Amino acid sequence: MGAKAVWVAGRVYQQLQNLVDVTPVGWAFGDGAQLRCYTDDPDRIRKPDACFVRRGRFVPDEPPEGFITIPPDLVVEVVSPSDSYY
């Protein structure tokens, strides 16, 4: 990722985090989150630039220690001009 794409991804995460700081509707995750939520391929891992999971979807109602194993409610991937769509 180029500097601009990193900045955009950071701003998206910041806005999600600002939302959940004011209204505790769920959890915002930055680019370190790892998604392992594919039932057809449990070894597939994705690392989005930002994502959000609404409250009540994790059991117990808090983020897990390891991978996120449920599909998030929102996933954001910032695409740089040099990235291919696939």
C-alpha atoms as a PDB file:
ATOM      1  CA  MET A   1       0.000   0.000   0.000  1.00  0.00           C
ATOM      2  CA  GLY A   2       1.120   3.489  -0.760  1.00  0.00           C
ATOM      3  CA  ALA A   3       1.106   6.271   1.811  1.00  0.00           C
ATOM      4  CA  LYS A   4      -2.212   7.680   0.590  1.00  0.00           C
ATOM      5  CA  ALA A   5      -3.959   4.305   0.784  1.00  0.00           C
ATOM      6  CA  VAL A   6      -2.625   3.776   4.318  1.00  0.00           C
ATOM      7  CA  TRP A   7      -3.868   7.226   5.281  1.00  0.00           C
ATOM      8  CA  VAL A   8      -7.335   6.570   3.813  1.00  0.00           C
ATOM      9  CA  ALA A   9      -7.568   3.211   5.606  1.00  0.00           C
ATOM     10  CA  GLY A  10      -6.522   4.867   8.861  1.00  0.00           C
ATOM     11  CA  ARG A  11      -9.185   7.542   8.467  1.00  0.00           C
ATOM     12  CA  VAL A  12     -11.879   4.937   7.822  1.00  0.00           C
ATOM     13  CA  TYR A  13     -10.862   3.009  10.943  1.00  0.00           C
ATOM     14  CA  GLN A  14     -10.706   6.250  12.944  1.00  0.00           C
ATOM     15  CA  GLN A  15     -14.250   7.181  11.914  1.00  0.00           C
ATOM     16  CA  LEU A  16     -15.544   3.713  12.840  1.00  0.00           C
ATOM     17  CA  GLN A  17     -13.765   3.907  16.186  1.00  0.00           C
ATOM     18  CA  ASN A  18     -15.145   7.399  16.829  1.00  0.00           C
ATOM     19  CA  LEU A  19     -18.639   5.997  16.244  1.00  0.00           C
ATOM     20  CA  VAL A  20     -18.258   3.122  18.695  1.00  0.00           C
ATOM     21  CA  ASP A  21     -16.619   5.402  21.276  1.00  0.00           C
ATOM     22  CA  VAL A  22     -19.732   7.596  21.313  1.00  0.00           C
ATOM     23  CA  THR A  23     -22.349   4.908  20.714  1.00  0.00           C
ATOM     24  CA  PRO A  24     -21.259   1.423  21.862  1.00  0.00           C
ATOM     25  CA  VAL A  25     -22.933  -0.404  18.981  1.00  0.00           C
ATOM     26  CA  GLY A  26     -20.054  -2.797  18.341  1.00  0.00           C
ATOM     27  CA  TRP A  27     -16.344  -3.052  17.671  1.00  0.00           C
ATOM     28  CA  ALA A  28     -14.126  -1.392  15.091  1.00  0.00           C
ATOM     29  CA  PHE A  29     -10.975  -3.174  13.943  1.00  0.00           C
ATOM     30  CA  GLY A  30      -8.025  -1.800  12.013  1.00  0.00           C
ATOM     31  CA  ASP A  31      -5.692  -3.458   9.561  1.00  0.00           C
ATOM     32  CA  GLY A  32      -4.356  -5.950  12.118  1.00  0.00           C
ATOM     33  CA  ALA A  33      -7.606  -7.911  12.307  1.00  0.00           C
ATOM     34  CA  GLN A  34      -7.573 -11.365  10.769  1.00  0.00           C
ATOM     35  CA  LEU A  35     -10.785 -12.886   9.434  1.00  0.00           C
ATOM     36  CA  ARG A  36     -11.131 -16.658   9.388  1.00  0.00           C
ATOM     37  CA  CYS A  37     -14.817 -16.887   8.580  1.00  0.00           C
ATOM     38  CA  TYR A  38     -15.119 -18.970   5.423  1.00  0.00           C
ATOM     39  CA  THR A  39     -17.065 -22.184   6.034  1.00  0.00           C
ATOM     40  CA  ASP A  40     -15.983 -23.618   2.664  1.00  0.00           C
ATOM     41  CA  ASP A  41     -12.279 -22.975   3.374  1.00  0.00           C
ATOM     42  CA  PRO A  42     -11.515 -22.677   7.108  1.00  0.00           C
ATOM     43  CA  ASP A  43      -7.805 -22.087   6.460  1.00  0.00           C
ATOM     44  CA  ARG A  44      -8.430 -18.967   4.335  1.00  0.00           C
ATOM     45  CA  ILE A  45      -7.514 -15.794   6.189  1.00  0.00           C
ATOM     46  CA  ARG A  46      -8.237 -12.236   5.100  1.00  0.00           C
ATOM     47  CA  LYS A  47      -6.857  -9.030   6.609  1.00  0.00           C
ATOM     48  CA  PRO A  48      -9.089  -6.080   5.705  1.00  0.00           C
ATOM     49  CA  ASP A  49      -8.004  -2.479   6.125  1.00  0.00           C
ATOM     50  CA  ALA A  50     -10.888  -1.931   8.544  1.00  0.00           C
ATOM     51  CA  CYS A  51     -13.978  -3.793   9.662  1.00  0.00           C
ATOM     52  CA  PHE A  52     -16.875  -3.528  12.078  1.00  0.00           C
ATOM     53  CA  VAL A  53     -18.823  -6.134  14.041  1.00  0.00           C
ATOM     54  CA  ARG A  54     -22.009  -5.057  15.784  1.00  0.00           C
ATOM     55  CA  ARG A  55     -22.579  -5.805  19.442  1.00  0.00           C
ATOM     56  CA  GLY A  56     -24.207  -9.139  20.232  1.00  0.00           C
ATOM     57  CA  ARG A  57     -22.597 -11.159  17.451  1.00  0.00           C
ATOM     58  CA  PHE A  58     -19.567 -12.423  19.384  1.00  0.00           C
ATOM     59  CA  VAL A  59     -20.112 -15.147  21.983  1.00  0.00           C
ATOM     60  CA  PRO A  60     -19.460 -14.028  24.661  1.00  0.00           C
ATOM     61  CA  ASP A  61     -20.273 -10.430  23.776  1.00  0.00           C
ATOM     62  CA  GLU A  62     -16.653  -9.338  23.348  1.00  0.00           C
ATOM     63  CA  PRO A  63     -13.985  -9.643  20.649  1.00  0.00           C
ATOM     64  CA  PRO A  64     -12.151 -12.972  20.536  1.00  0.00           C
ATOM     65  CA  GLU A  65      -8.490 -13.378  21.475  1.00  0.00           C
ATOM     66  CA  GLY A  66      -7.565 -14.827  18.071  1.00  0.00           C
ATOM     67  CA  PHE A  67      -9.130 -14.735  14.647  1.00  0.00           C
ATOM     68  CA  ILE A  68     -12.515 -13.177  13.944  1.00  0.00           C
ATOM     69  CA  THR A  69     -14.489 -16.281  12.973  1.00  0.00           C
ATOM     70  CA  ILE A  70     -17.761 -14.639  11.952  1.00  0.00           C
ATOM     71  CA  PRO A  71     -18.334 -12.459   8.888  1.00  0.00           C
ATOM     72  CA  PRO A  72     -18.107  -8.795   9.951  1.00  0.00           C
ATOM     73  CA  ASP A  73     -21.042  -6.483   9.317  1.00  0.00           C
ATOM     74  CA  LEU A  74     -18.780  -4.115   7.397  1.00  0.00           C
ATOM     75  CA  VAL A  75     -15.445  -4.780   5.700  1.00  0.00           C
ATOM     76  CA  VAL A  76     -13.351  -2.048   4.095  1.00  0.00           C
ATOM     77  CA  GLU A  77     -10.532  -2.684   1.652  1.00  0.00           C
ATOM     78  CA  VAL A  78      -8.734   0.351   0.270  1.00  0.00           C
ATOM     79  CA  VAL A  79      -7.582  -0.305  -3.270  1.00  0.00           C
ATOM     80  CA  SER A  80      -4.482   1.465  -4.528  1.00  0.00           C
ATOM     81  CA  PRO A  81      -4.110   2.311  -8.233  1.00  0.00           C
ATOM     82  CA  SER A  82      -1.487  -0.444  -8.524  1.00  0.00           C
ATOM     83  CA  ASP A  83      -3.801  -3.115  -6.982  1.00  0.00           C
ATOM     84  CA  SER A  84      -5.683  -5.548  -9.169  1.00  0.00           C
ATOM     85  CA  TYR A  85      -9.347  -6.065  -8.364  1.00  0.00           C
ATOM     86  CA  TYR A  86      -9.129  -9.778  -7.645  1.00  0.00           C
END
